[in-house]
Protein backbone atom coordinates (compact mmCIF):
# COMPACT_ATOMS: atom_id res chain seq x y z
CA ARG A 1 0.13 0.10 0.05
CA ARG A 2 1.10 3.32 -0.78
CA PRO A 3 2.17 6.13 2.41
CA LEU A 4 -0.80 8.72 2.65
CA ASN A 5 1.15 11.76 0.71
CA PRO A 6 0.54 15.30 1.55
CA ARG A 7 -2.11 17.06 -0.82
CA LYS A 8 -3.06 20.55 -1.42
CA LYS A 9 -3.90 22.79 1.92
CA THR A 10 -7.52 23.02 1.99
CA MET A 11 -7.78 25.07 4.93
CA ASN A 12 -5.47 27.57 7.00
CA SER A 13 -4.78 26.23 11.01
CA GLU A 14 -3.27 30.09 11.49
CA ASN A 15 -2.07 28.42 14.69
CA THR A 16 -5.17 28.07 16.15
CA TYR A 17 -4.64 25.35 17.64
CA PRO A 18 -2.73 24.78 21.33
CA PRO A 19 0.10 22.50 21.94
CA GLY A 20 -1.56 19.62 23.63
CA PHE A 21 -4.94 19.73 21.24
CA LEU A 22 -6.31 16.31 21.09
CA TRP A 23 -6.52 15.40 17.06
CA GLY A 24 -7.86 11.90 16.47
CA ALA A 25 -9.56 9.38 15.79
CA ALA A 26 -12.66 6.80 17.02
CA THR A 27 -13.91 3.39 17.03
CA ALA A 28 -16.13 0.96 19.55
CA ALA A 29 -15.43 -2.24 20.16
CA TYR A 30 -18.36 -4.37 18.62
CA GLN A 31 -18.04 -2.44 15.70
CA ILE A 32 -14.65 -3.49 14.68
CA GLU A 33 -12.99 -6.41 16.80
CA GLY A 34 -14.45 -9.87 16.01
CA ALA A 35 -13.83 -12.44 17.62
CA VAL A 36 -16.94 -12.64 20.13
CA ALA A 37 -15.91 -16.01 21.35
CA GLU A 38 -12.64 -15.87 22.10
CA ASP A 39 -10.03 -15.91 25.15
CA GLY A 40 -13.28 -15.32 27.17
CA ARG A 41 -15.42 -13.47 25.79
CA GLY A 42 -18.83 -13.19 26.73
CA PRO A 43 -21.85 -12.60 24.37
CA SER A 44 -23.30 -9.13 24.42
CA ILE A 45 -26.81 -7.49 23.93
CA TRP A 46 -25.47 -7.03 20.24
CA ASP A 47 -24.65 -10.36 19.96
CA THR A 48 -28.02 -11.54 20.51
CA PHE A 49 -29.75 -8.64 18.96
CA SER A 50 -27.82 -8.47 15.22
CA HIS A 51 -28.54 -12.66 14.94
CA ARG A 52 -32.50 -11.83 15.77
CA ALA A 53 -33.93 -12.36 12.13
CA GLY A 54 -34.41 -8.64 10.38
CA ALA A 55 -32.81 -6.83 13.60
CA VAL A 56 -29.75 -5.37 10.81
CA LEU A 57 -29.65 -4.98 7.43
CA ARG A 58 -29.40 -8.35 5.19
CA GLY A 59 -28.49 -10.27 8.51
CA ASP A 60 -24.98 -8.70 9.21
CA THR A 61 -23.63 -9.19 12.73
CA GLY A 62 -20.35 -8.46 14.05
CA ASP A 63 -19.23 -11.90 14.46
CA THR A 64 -16.18 -10.51 12.52
CA ALA A 65 -16.24 -7.59 11.90
CA CYS A 66 -12.80 -5.63 11.66
CA ASP A 67 -11.16 -8.53 12.72
CA HIS A 68 -9.27 -5.54 15.10
CA TYR A 69 -8.97 -8.70 17.88
CA HIS A 70 -5.98 -10.16 15.95
CA ARG A 71 -5.13 -7.04 13.73
CA TRP A 72 -4.64 -4.48 16.68
CA GLU A 73 -0.85 -4.05 16.04
CA SER A 74 -1.15 -3.50 12.08
CA ASP A 75 -4.31 -1.06 12.92
CA LEU A 76 -2.26 1.29 15.61
CA ASP A 77 0.43 1.55 12.47
CA LEU A 78 -1.90 3.15 10.81
CA LEU A 79 -2.91 4.98 13.36
CA VAL A 80 0.86 6.79 13.19
CA GLU A 81 0.48 6.89 9.28
CA LEU A 82 -2.81 9.22 10.06
CA GLY A 83 -0.38 11.15 11.89
CA VAL A 84 -3.27 11.24 15.45
CA ASN A 85 -2.16 12.19 18.55
CA SER A 86 -5.16 10.57 20.32
CA TYR A 87 -7.32 7.15 19.93
CA ARG A 88 -10.42 6.88 21.08
CA PHE A 89 -11.84 3.43 21.71
CA SER A 90 -13.99 1.53 23.57
CA VAL A 91 -13.28 -1.42 26.24
CA ALA A 92 -16.21 -4.17 25.24
CA TRP A 93 -17.64 -5.25 29.38
CA SER A 94 -18.12 -8.74 28.33
CA ARG A 95 -14.13 -9.24 27.52
CA VAL A 96 -13.45 -7.81 30.72
CA LEU A 97 -16.72 -9.64 32.57
CA PRO A 98 -18.03 -12.02 30.66
CA THR A 99 -21.34 -12.12 32.36
CA GLY A 100 -20.78 -8.54 33.54
CA ALA A 101 -20.19 -9.28 37.52
CA GLY A 102 -18.21 -12.39 39.28
CA PRO A 103 -14.39 -13.36 37.97
CA VAL A 104 -12.61 -11.56 35.72
CA ASN A 105 -11.58 -13.09 32.35
CA GLN A 106 -7.82 -11.89 32.55
CA ALA A 107 -7.07 -12.72 29.01
CA GLY A 108 -9.72 -10.18 27.94
CA LEU A 109 -7.63 -7.42 29.89
CA ASP A 110 -4.95 -8.25 28.52
CA PHE A 111 -5.66 -7.60 25.06
CA TYR A 112 -6.78 -4.11 26.20
CA GLY A 113 -3.53 -3.86 28.10
CA ARG A 114 -1.38 -4.57 24.91
CA LEU A 115 -3.84 -1.98 23.52
CA VAL A 116 -2.73 0.62 25.62
CA ASP A 117 1.00 0.03 25.57
CA GLY A 118 0.95 -0.72 21.97
CA LEU A 119 -0.94 3.33 21.66
CA LEU A 120 2.19 4.40 24.30
CA GLU A 121 5.14 3.03 22.42
CA ARG A 122 3.61 4.91 19.41
CA ASP A 123 3.07 7.94 21.28
CA ILE A 124 -0.17 8.22 20.37
CA VAL A 125 -2.65 9.14 23.79
CA PRO A 126 -5.45 6.53 24.66
CA MET A 127 -9.04 7.89 25.44
CA VAL A 128 -11.12 4.62 26.71
CA THR A 129 -14.94 4.37 26.53
CA LEU A 130 -16.01 2.19 29.32
CA TYR A 131 -19.87 1.30 27.63
CA HIS A 132 -20.45 1.71 24.11
CA TRP A 133 -23.73 -0.04 24.19
CA ASP A 134 -22.57 -3.73 24.51
CA LEU A 135 -24.03 -4.74 28.05
CA PRO A 136 -23.34 -8.41 28.56
CA GLN A 137 -25.93 -10.56 27.79
CA ALA A 138 -26.08 -11.86 31.44
CA LEU A 139 -27.03 -9.11 32.68
CA GLN A 140 -30.01 -8.08 30.22
CA ASP A 141 -31.11 -11.36 31.25
CA VAL A 142 -31.91 -9.62 34.42
CA GLY A 143 -33.45 -6.40 33.03
CA GLY A 144 -30.61 -4.97 31.67
CA TRP A 145 -30.82 -1.10 32.09
CA ALA A 146 -33.97 -1.01 33.49
CA ASN A 147 -33.03 -2.81 36.16
CA ARG A 148 -30.97 -0.87 38.74
CA ASP A 149 -28.56 -2.88 40.10
CA THR A 150 -27.02 -2.86 36.13
CA ALA A 151 -25.69 0.71 37.14
CA ASP A 152 -23.84 -0.73 39.96
CA ARG A 153 -22.76 -4.02 38.08
CA PHE A 154 -21.25 -0.92 35.67
CA ALA A 155 -18.88 0.67 38.82
CA ASP A 156 -17.89 -2.39 39.85
CA TYR A 157 -17.02 -3.23 36.13
CA ALA A 158 -14.83 0.52 35.58
CA GLY A 159 -13.35 -0.33 38.68
CA ILE A 160 -11.50 -2.95 37.08
CA VAL A 161 -10.68 -2.07 34.01
CA HIS A 162 -9.40 1.33 36.17
CA ARG A 163 -7.10 -1.01 38.01
CA SER A 164 -5.78 -2.69 35.14
CA LEU A 165 -5.08 0.34 32.74
CA GLY A 166 -5.15 3.16 34.79
CA ASP A 167 -1.91 4.23 35.64
CA ARG A 168 -1.44 4.55 31.17
CA VAL A 169 -4.61 6.19 30.76
CA PRO A 170 -5.49 9.81 30.77
CA TYR A 171 -8.58 9.99 29.13
CA TRP A 172 -11.59 8.49 30.58
CA LEU A 173 -15.04 8.49 29.09
CA THR A 174 -17.75 6.04 31.17
CA LEU A 175 -20.68 6.08 28.51
CA ASN A 176 -20.95 6.69 24.96
CA GLU A 177 -24.53 8.64 23.73
CA PRO A 178 -26.73 7.45 26.50
CA TYR A 179 -29.38 8.67 24.51
CA CYS A 180 -29.01 5.81 21.68
CA SER A 181 -29.34 3.53 24.53
CA ALA A 182 -32.03 4.51 26.47
CA PHE A 183 -34.76 5.71 23.51
CA VAL A 184 -33.13 3.90 20.18
CA GLY A 185 -32.50 0.47 22.50
CA HIS A 186 -35.93 0.55 24.57
CA LEU A 187 -38.09 2.94 22.99
CA GLU A 188 -37.63 2.54 18.95
CA GLY A 189 -36.17 -1.13 19.42
CA ARG A 190 -34.06 -0.42 16.47
CA HIS A 191 -30.80 -1.14 18.67
CA ALA A 192 -30.06 -3.87 21.11
CA PRO A 193 -31.71 -5.04 23.13
CA GLY A 194 -34.96 -4.33 20.67
CA ILE A 195 -37.58 -3.14 23.29
CA ARG A 196 -40.14 -0.94 22.54
CA ASP A 197 -41.89 0.35 25.69
CA GLU A 198 -41.82 3.94 26.33
CA ALA A 199 -41.59 3.76 30.34
CA THR A 200 -38.62 1.18 30.34
CA ALA A 201 -36.92 3.46 28.23
CA VAL A 202 -37.12 6.50 30.60
CA THR A 203 -36.12 4.03 33.70
CA ALA A 204 -33.15 3.19 31.71
CA LEU A 205 -32.58 6.03 30.78
CA HIS A 206 -32.28 7.24 34.20
CA HIS A 207 -30.20 3.66 35.34
CA LEU A 208 -27.35 4.63 32.78
CA LEU A 209 -26.91 7.97 34.35
CA LEU A 210 -26.86 6.30 37.40
CA ALA A 211 -24.04 4.44 35.67
CA HIS A 212 -22.35 7.33 34.87
CA GLY A 213 -22.24 8.80 38.15
CA LYS A 214 -21.52 5.63 40.31
CA GLY A 215 -18.48 4.93 37.40
CA VAL A 216 -16.90 8.56 38.21
CA GLN A 217 -17.79 8.06 41.93
CA THR A 218 -15.94 4.77 41.55
CA LEU A 219 -13.01 5.79 39.45
CA ARG A 220 -12.28 8.93 42.23
CA ALA A 221 -12.15 6.87 44.75
CA ASP A 222 -9.41 4.46 43.15
CA GLY A 223 -7.42 7.50 42.74
CA VAL A 224 -7.80 8.03 38.93
CA THR A 225 -4.89 10.30 37.60
CA GLY A 226 -6.64 10.60 34.02
CA GLN A 227 -9.09 12.89 33.08
CA VAL A 228 -12.98 11.43 33.73
CA GLY A 229 -16.38 12.66 31.64
CA ILE A 230 -18.76 11.55 29.36
CA THR A 231 -19.66 11.80 26.14
CA LEU A 232 -23.55 12.48 24.78
CA ASN A 233 -24.93 12.92 21.07
CA LEU A 234 -26.29 16.36 20.98
CA THR A 235 -28.54 18.20 18.22
CA SER A 236 -29.10 21.95 17.22
CA VAL A 237 -32.57 21.51 17.56
CA ARG A 238 -34.67 25.11 15.75
CA ALA A 239 -38.81 25.61 15.18
CA GLY A 240 -39.83 25.26 11.76
CA SER A 241 -41.37 28.71 11.79
CA GLU A 242 -42.31 31.39 14.67
CA ALA A 243 -45.66 29.99 15.22
CA PRO A 244 -46.13 28.88 19.09
CA GLU A 245 -46.78 25.28 18.07
CA ASP A 246 -43.93 25.02 16.35
CA VAL A 247 -41.93 26.63 18.95
CA ALA A 248 -43.10 24.07 21.94
CA ALA A 249 -42.91 21.20 19.21
CA ALA A 250 -39.17 22.17 19.24
CA ARG A 251 -38.95 22.57 22.81
CA ARG A 252 -40.19 19.13 23.53
CA LEU A 253 -38.10 17.82 21.15
CA ASP A 254 -35.20 19.17 22.53
CA LEU A 255 -36.16 18.50 25.79
CA TYR A 256 -36.76 14.81 24.53
CA GLU A 257 -33.07 14.74 22.41
CA ASN A 258 -30.43 16.99 24.85
CA ARG A 259 -32.30 18.80 27.73
CA MET A 260 -32.86 14.66 29.65
CA PHE A 261 -29.38 14.31 29.68
CA LEU A 262 -27.60 17.82 29.53
CA ASP A 263 -29.42 18.59 32.93
CA PRO A 264 -28.96 15.92 35.05
CA ILE A 265 -25.22 15.51 33.78
CA LEU A 266 -24.49 19.20 34.54
CA ARG A 267 -27.11 20.71 36.66
CA GLY A 268 -28.57 18.04 38.91
CA GLU A 269 -32.07 18.02 38.06
CA TYR A 270 -33.64 16.90 35.02
CA PRO A 271 -35.97 19.82 33.26
CA ALA A 272 -39.17 21.28 34.52
CA ASP A 273 -40.56 19.75 31.98
CA ALA A 274 -40.18 16.93 32.04
CA ARG A 275 -42.04 15.26 34.51
CA ALA A 276 -45.60 16.94 32.29
CA PHE A 277 -43.75 15.23 29.25
CA TYR A 278 -43.78 11.72 30.87
CA ASP A 279 -47.07 12.33 32.78
CA GLY A 280 -49.25 8.90 32.24
CA VAL A 281 -45.87 7.21 30.97
CA THR A 282 -44.11 7.38 34.32
CA GLY A 283 -43.60 8.80 37.25
CA PHE A 284 -39.69 9.15 37.79
CA GLU A 285 -40.13 6.79 40.65
CA PHE A 286 -37.17 5.61 39.35
CA VAL A 287 -35.12 8.13 40.70
CA HIS A 288 -34.11 7.90 44.69
CA ASP A 289 -32.94 10.41 47.08
CA GLY A 290 -29.31 11.47 45.81
CA ASP A 291 -29.22 9.21 42.45
CA LEU A 292 -29.06 13.37 41.49
CA GLU A 293 -26.32 13.96 42.95
CA THR A 294 -24.34 11.13 41.80
CA ILE A 295 -25.56 12.02 38.23
CA SER A 296 -24.02 15.11 38.53
CA ALA A 297 -20.73 13.90 40.32
CA PRO A 298 -18.04 16.87 38.85
CA LEU A 299 -16.60 15.98 35.87
CA ASP A 300 -13.15 16.88 34.50
CA TYR A 301 -13.88 17.30 30.16
CA PHE A 302 -16.98 16.63 28.75
CA GLY A 303 -17.67 15.02 25.39
CA VAL A 304 -20.05 16.16 22.27
CA ASN A 305 -21.27 13.69 19.61
CA TYR A 306 -22.54 15.66 17.15
CA TYR A 307 -24.30 14.80 13.48
CA GLU A 308 -28.31 16.55 13.50
CA ARG A 309 -29.14 19.54 13.17
CA HIS A 310 -33.13 19.81 13.50
CA ALA A 311 -36.08 21.92 12.34
CA ALA A 312 -39.05 21.15 14.05
CA VAL A 313 -42.67 21.50 14.01
CA ALA A 314 -46.19 20.28 15.19
CA ASP A 315 -46.99 16.97 14.44
CA PRO A 316 -50.97 17.21 13.83
CA ARG A 317 -51.32 13.30 15.01
CA ASP A 318 -49.68 14.47 18.94
CA PRO A 319 -49.66 18.19 18.88
CA ALA A 320 -49.29 17.91 22.87
CA ARG A 321 -46.54 15.14 22.65
CA GLY A 322 -45.19 15.16 19.42
CA TRP A 323 -43.28 16.88 17.18
CA ALA A 324 -41.52 16.70 13.25
CA LYS A 325 -38.23 17.12 12.20
CA VAL A 326 -38.29 18.88 8.64
CA PRO A 327 -37.18 16.97 5.97
CA PRO A 328 -34.05 17.69 4.62
CA ALA A 329 -33.50 19.12 1.28
CA GLU A 330 -30.43 17.29 0.29
CA PRO A 331 -30.52 13.90 2.86
CA THR A 332 -27.53 11.80 3.08
CA ILE A 333 -27.51 8.34 2.56
CA SER A 334 -28.15 7.77 6.07
CA GLY A 335 -31.60 10.76 5.97
CA ILE A 336 -29.73 13.13 7.71
CA SER A 337 -27.63 16.56 6.12
CA VAL A 338 -25.15 18.23 6.25
CA GLU A 339 -24.88 21.32 8.29
CA PRO A 340 -21.24 22.47 10.43
CA VAL A 341 -23.48 25.02 11.69
CA GLY A 342 -25.12 22.82 14.05
CA LEU A 343 -22.07 21.86 15.90
CA LYS A 344 -20.79 25.87 15.77
CA GLU A 345 -24.52 25.63 17.79
CA ILE A 346 -23.63 22.73 19.85
CA LEU A 347 -20.48 23.47 21.47
CA HIS A 348 -21.91 27.18 22.00
CA ARG A 349 -25.18 26.08 23.84
CA VAL A 350 -23.28 23.73 26.18
CA ALA A 351 -20.42 26.27 26.71
CA ASP A 352 -22.49 29.55 27.30
CA GLU A 353 -25.26 27.39 29.11
CA TYR A 354 -23.99 24.92 30.72
CA THR A 355 -20.97 24.15 31.81
CA THR A 356 -16.91 25.42 31.82
CA LEU A 357 -15.38 22.54 31.35
CA PRO A 358 -13.31 21.41 28.67
CA LEU A 359 -15.15 20.16 25.43
CA ILE A 360 -13.92 17.18 22.96
CA VAL A 361 -15.77 16.40 19.95
CA THR A 362 -15.76 13.35 20.16
CA GLU A 363 -17.47 11.98 17.00
CA THR A 364 -18.44 13.55 13.86
CA GLY A 365 -18.69 11.75 10.23
CA GLN A 366 -20.76 11.18 7.79
CA ALA A 367 -21.74 8.06 5.74
CA LEU A 368 -21.30 7.08 2.56
CA PHE A 369 -21.33 3.95 -0.28
CA ASP A 370 -17.96 4.14 -0.55
CA TYR A 371 -16.18 1.56 -3.52
CA VAL A 372 -12.96 1.54 -4.48
CA ASP A 373 -12.28 2.66 -8.22
CA PRO A 374 -10.24 0.91 -10.96
CA GLU A 375 -7.09 3.30 -9.55
CA ARG A 376 -7.80 1.58 -6.26
CA GLU A 377 -8.72 5.13 -5.06
CA VAL A 378 -11.37 5.64 -3.24
CA ASN A 379 -12.91 8.89 -4.00
CA ASP A 380 -14.28 10.25 -0.73
CA ALA A 381 -14.66 14.00 -1.61
CA GLU A 382 -18.04 14.27 0.63
CA ARG A 383 -16.66 13.33 3.54
CA VAL A 384 -13.33 15.55 2.86
CA HIS A 385 -15.79 18.43 2.67
CA PHE A 386 -17.72 17.33 5.43
CA TYR A 387 -14.60 16.80 7.50
CA ARG A 388 -13.04 20.40 6.99
CA SER A 389 -16.40 22.02 6.81
CA HIS A 390 -17.04 20.83 10.64
CA ILE A 391 -13.52 21.63 11.88
CA GLU A 392 -14.06 25.43 10.28
CA ALA A 393 -17.21 25.47 12.39
CA ALA A 394 -15.83 23.74 15.57
CA THR A 395 -12.34 26.40 15.19
CA GLU A 396 -14.86 29.12 15.43
CA ALA A 397 -16.67 28.15 17.98
CA MET A 398 -13.06 27.84 20.04
CA ASN A 399 -11.93 31.39 18.53
CA ASP A 400 -15.15 32.79 20.05
CA GLY A 401 -14.05 31.46 23.58
CA VAL A 402 -15.43 28.46 23.88
CA ASP A 403 -12.97 25.81 25.12
CA LEU A 404 -12.51 23.25 23.18
CA VAL A 405 -9.67 20.95 23.41
CA GLY A 406 -9.98 17.66 20.94
CA PHE A 407 -11.57 16.36 17.75
CA PHE A 408 -12.35 13.18 16.60
CA PRO A 409 -13.32 11.47 13.35
CA TRP A 410 -15.96 9.07 12.95
CA SER A 411 -14.32 6.86 12.29
CA PHE A 412 -11.17 5.98 11.60
CA MET A 413 -12.24 2.61 9.68
CA ASP A 414 -15.05 1.39 7.92
CA ASN A 415 -16.75 -1.18 10.99
CA PHE A 416 -20.21 -2.84 11.55
CA GLU A 417 -22.30 0.51 11.95
CA TRP A 418 -25.35 -1.05 14.45
CA ALA A 419 -28.92 -1.76 12.01
CA TRP A 420 -27.02 -0.47 8.66
CA GLY A 421 -24.80 -3.31 9.36
CA TYR A 422 -21.94 -2.97 6.55
CA GLY A 423 -24.34 -1.10 4.31
CA HIS A 424 -22.86 2.41 5.20
CA ARG A 425 -19.40 3.04 5.95
CA PHE A 426 -18.11 5.91 7.78
CA GLY A 427 -14.56 4.90 8.31
CA MET A 428 -11.06 7.13 6.94
CA TYR A 429 -9.95 3.95 6.09
CA PHE A 430 -11.95 1.24 3.42
CA VAL A 431 -11.89 -1.98 4.85
CA ASP A 432 -12.44 -4.82 1.94
CA TYR A 433 -14.65 -7.54 4.83
CA ALA A 434 -13.69 -10.15 3.02
CA THR A 435 -10.05 -9.76 2.86
CA GLN A 436 -9.98 -7.42 5.84
CA GLU A 437 -7.53 -4.81 3.48
CA ARG A 438 -6.87 -1.30 5.02
CA ILE A 439 -7.05 0.90 2.27
CA PRO A 440 -6.90 4.87 3.03
CA LYS A 441 -9.46 6.89 1.57
CA GLN A 442 -9.05 10.64 0.14
CA SER A 443 -10.73 11.71 3.72
CA ALA A 444 -7.07 9.86 5.16
CA HIS A 445 -4.97 11.58 2.80
CA TRP A 446 -6.55 14.85 3.62
CA TYR A 447 -6.63 14.36 7.30
CA ALA A 448 -3.09 13.21 7.71
CA SER A 449 -2.17 16.47 5.49
CA TRP A 450 -4.32 18.19 8.30
CA LEU A 451 -2.39 17.10 11.03
CA ARG A 452 0.87 18.03 9.87
CA GLU A 453 -0.47 21.35 9.08
CA VAL A 454 -1.24 21.83 12.92
CA GLY A 455 2.23 19.97 14.32
CA ALA A 456 -0.37 17.36 15.73
CA ARG A 457 2.06 14.55 16.46
CA GLU A 458 4.54 17.69 17.81
CA PRO A 459 5.27 18.61 21.01
CA LEU A 460 4.03 15.32 22.19
CA SER A 461 5.05 16.02 26.11
CA ALA A 462 1.42 18.22 26.66
CA LEU A 463 -0.42 15.30 25.93
CA ARG A 464 0.99 13.20 27.89
CA ALA A 465 1.24 14.97 31.03
């Protein structure tokens, strides 16, 4: 394979980014690792869900995925080729604790130890996500996130991983996108565990946030020296018109997608309109004394995943609780629009309304139907434009005073994209799933050139601090 080559500069860094700014790439365990039954790993809810007929596009599963479990060393070499100074990956809970609790599977912990050591040997800073949607199936069998006890099991798991890796990992994320775990998994049923019940979804939401808080407490009690955060997928919501009913609909959508997560974590309370919105669904009986204090445990940084900007209007079918999203004029294959201004809006909102914590864009990206052309190139010019415009938007927010300290495109390589299976590709590296060959796309060339321009790899001393 040819090395990544510099391309013509399409954007001027103007020395905007300080030493220590995290320029990375991101992945998640179930999406890339494969080896689902090797070395003592137990099944997760995604193993179960992906094998359910009709759950995933064309019956795809993560059984092999990108075979990263066996190819991790060469994959880390690609990160060096790409020029990142940090790598965000997740630990598979069921690889460490096959049944979610009980005896530790040392072989699983050792894999992540090798991965962390391999990153550090390559001067790449590890950012560990403890939970990226792959709950051990054994815990689901006793209620999963609808069971309050799962939050305690997560805290135990967080402590085990930290005691194994904590001396080498400077950045920790408790949960990735609890919105998707709660609502896409328990209300819409499009993700594991495939439940469609609103009361269960809101209960799961609370227990996920409680797990986050208990996990933070465990890391602090264990003397964590790295920085601790969480990452939320946030949307930029606006009313489709000035009509009062559309303004109210946008407010409800914002509650559902943003405020139900931001307010408990960063303000220690559920939004004032949450109980009225969920009246008749739940009375929030699952909230115990002290829970919100736990959920709002102090953090060191805050992660933002951004993919969508919505214009909302009233839904005539459900005027009291519903909303309708105005269809985008030029939707991507995921059915959403490319609106980098939404990232700037979200970064400003979090910084202006919620917290002074440093912010990191922990994911943003675009799915395409990529292919290898006869010259063995992957021309994903749309993704290059996406990354360039979103970096510009994030930079504008930073220049406005937002304390932005990192940017992680999604994703490092093509992978198992949940309910979309292998049909949607987000990666900077094309993965030929039949041969497991990795081929750099045009976006990888562009990003590598950009990282050289901003000096992402030098100096690295600030990142090791």
